[in-house]
Every structure is written in C-alpha cells, then in structure tokens.
C-alpha cells in the first residue's frame, strides 16, 4: 500500500489529496501516450467512482485492489509509470527528476 501511495502522490502534484484530470493528463503525457485526452477519459471512467471529476486515494486504491480480477490498473503499469519519473533508477523520485519529466 505504501508503494501505491507514493505513486498516487506523484500524480497529485498540487498535494490536495486528489488527482485532477489535468494532473492525470500530465502524467500520461509524460509516459508517452499519444492521445492523452482519450487516456484521461478512459481512466476517469474507470477510477472516478464518485463522479466528482477527481480520483481520490480510496478510488485509486480500489482500482489497484481490483488488479487480477478483471479490472483496474496492473501493478506492472504503475511500476512502469514510476520508472518514467525515476530517471536515475535509484528507486526514488527527486524533485529534479519530476521537474525534468514534467518539462
């Protein structure tokens, strides 16, 4: 759960404890997605259970707990997303790495 929280916190760039469409879009774009609007719409359709336009940690966890049961984001996808930000491969994402990816 701690690893999932770390990933959630990387998406939640303004630290308001929820992921907005714009924050998600930036992360997906940083991972090299060609059509970020489509990816964002699909992700929010799956994860935004409350329908408020944000993904909170509870919703994020639910998706990750559903992995392997026919739904949700795969743990390997989260790991790959983390690796996009962990440029030096040390298992941590520094502010410099985050800044470099977000540029």
Protein backbone atom coordinates (compact mmCIF):
# COMPACT_ATOMS: atom_id res chain seq x y z
CA UNK A 1 0.00 0.00 0.00
CA UNK A 2 2.90 2.37 0.70
CA UNK A 3 4.12 1.99 -2.88
CA UNK A 4 0.68 2.77 -4.26
CA UNK A 5 0.51 5.85 -2.03
CA UNK A 6 3.85 7.01 -3.42
CA UNK A 7 2.56 6.63 -6.98
CA UNK A 8 -0.65 8.45 -6.07
CA UNK A 9 1.38 11.29 -4.57
CA UNK A 10 3.40 11.64 -7.78
CA UNK A 11 0.20 12.10 -9.77
CA UNK A 12 -1.21 14.51 -7.15
CA UNK A 13 1.22 17.31 -7.97
CA UNK A 14 -0.63 20.05 -6.06
CA UNK A 15 -0.95 17.82 -2.96
CA UNK A 16 -4.70 18.37 -2.48
CA UNK A 17 -5.20 14.60 -1.93
CA UNK A 18 -6.98 14.06 -5.22
CA UNK A 19 -5.92 13.66 -8.83
CA UNK A 20 -7.48 16.08 -11.27
CA UNK A 21 -7.90 15.42 -14.96
CA UNK A 22 -5.07 17.86 -15.68
CA UNK A 23 -2.69 16.14 -13.24
CA UNK A 24 -3.54 12.76 -14.72
CA UNK A 25 -3.14 14.14 -18.23
CA UNK A 26 0.36 15.45 -17.43
CA UNK A 27 1.41 12.08 -16.02
CA UNK A 28 0.03 10.14 -19.00
CA UNK A 29 1.67 12.55 -21.40
CA UNK A 30 4.99 12.14 -19.56
CA UNK A 31 4.67 8.39 -20.06
CA UNK A 32 4.48 8.94 -23.81
CA UNK A 33 0.78 8.45 -24.53
CA UNK A 34 -0.16 9.76 -27.94
CA UNK A 35 -3.77 10.65 -27.21
CA UNK A 36 -3.87 11.89 -23.64
CA UNK A 37 -7.49 13.08 -23.83
CA UNK A 38 -8.65 9.57 -24.68
CA UNK A 39 -6.49 8.03 -21.94
CA UNK A 40 -7.74 10.51 -19.34
CA UNK A 41 -11.37 9.96 -20.26
CA UNK A 42 -10.97 6.20 -20.05
CA UNK A 43 -9.09 6.34 -16.74
CA UNK A 44 -11.64 8.64 -15.13
CA UNK A 45 -14.50 6.47 -16.38
CA UNK A 46 -12.92 3.54 -14.52
CA UNK A 47 -11.47 5.24 -11.44
CA UNK A 48 -13.73 8.20 -10.62
CA UNK A 49 -16.39 6.16 -8.85
CA UNK A 50 -17.80 9.23 -7.11
CA UNK A 51 -18.24 11.07 -10.39
CA UNK A 52 -16.84 14.30 -8.96
CA UNK A 53 -14.15 14.73 -11.64
CA UNK A 54 -11.31 13.71 -9.30
CA UNK A 55 -9.63 10.48 -8.26
CA UNK A 56 -9.10 10.31 -4.53
CA UNK A 57 -6.79 7.83 -2.84
CA UNK A 58 -9.65 5.49 -1.91
CA UNK A 59 -10.70 5.27 -5.58
CA UNK A 60 -7.08 4.85 -6.64
CA UNK A 61 -6.63 2.01 -4.14
CA UNK A 62 -9.84 0.31 -5.24
CA UNK A 63 -8.59 0.13 -8.80
CA UNK A 64 -5.30 -1.32 -7.62
CA UNK A 65 -7.03 -3.83 -5.35
CA UNK A 66 -9.09 -5.00 -8.33
CA UNK A 67 -5.93 -5.92 -10.26
CA UNK A 68 -6.09 -9.51 -11.37
CA UNK A 69 -9.88 -9.65 -11.03
CA UNK A 70 -10.65 -8.34 -14.49
CA UNK A 71 -10.40 -4.63 -13.73
CA UNK A 72 -8.08 -1.88 -12.68
CA UNK A 73 -4.60 -0.83 -13.42
CA UNK A 74 -1.95 -3.52 -13.38
CA UNK A 75 0.81 -3.22 -10.80
CA UNK A 76 3.31 -3.50 -13.63
CA UNK A 77 1.75 -0.43 -15.25
CA UNK A 78 2.20 1.53 -12.03
CA UNK A 79 5.79 0.34 -11.77
CA UNK A 80 6.43 1.38 -15.37
CA UNK A 81 4.90 4.78 -14.67
CA UNK A 82 7.15 5.14 -11.64
CA UNK A 83 10.19 4.27 -13.76
CA UNK A 84 9.33 7.09 -16.16
CA UNK A 85 9.90 9.52 -13.29
CA UNK A 86 12.82 7.68 -11.65
CA UNK A 87 15.35 8.78 -14.25
CA UNK A 88 18.47 7.61 -12.39
CA UNK A 89 16.90 4.29 -11.37
CA UNK A 90 17.61 4.67 -7.65
CA UNK A 91 14.05 3.80 -6.57
CA UNK A 92 13.23 7.37 -5.60
CA UNK A 93 11.83 10.32 -7.50
CA UNK A 94 13.59 13.57 -6.73
CA UNK A 95 12.12 16.99 -7.37
CA UNK A 96 14.69 17.41 -10.13
CA UNK A 97 13.56 14.20 -11.85
CA UNK A 98 9.92 15.18 -11.51
CA UNK A 99 10.66 18.61 -12.95
CA UNK A 100 12.62 17.12 -15.86
CA UNK A 101 9.79 14.74 -16.78
CA UNK A 102 7.12 17.43 -16.43
CA UNK A 103 9.03 19.76 -18.77
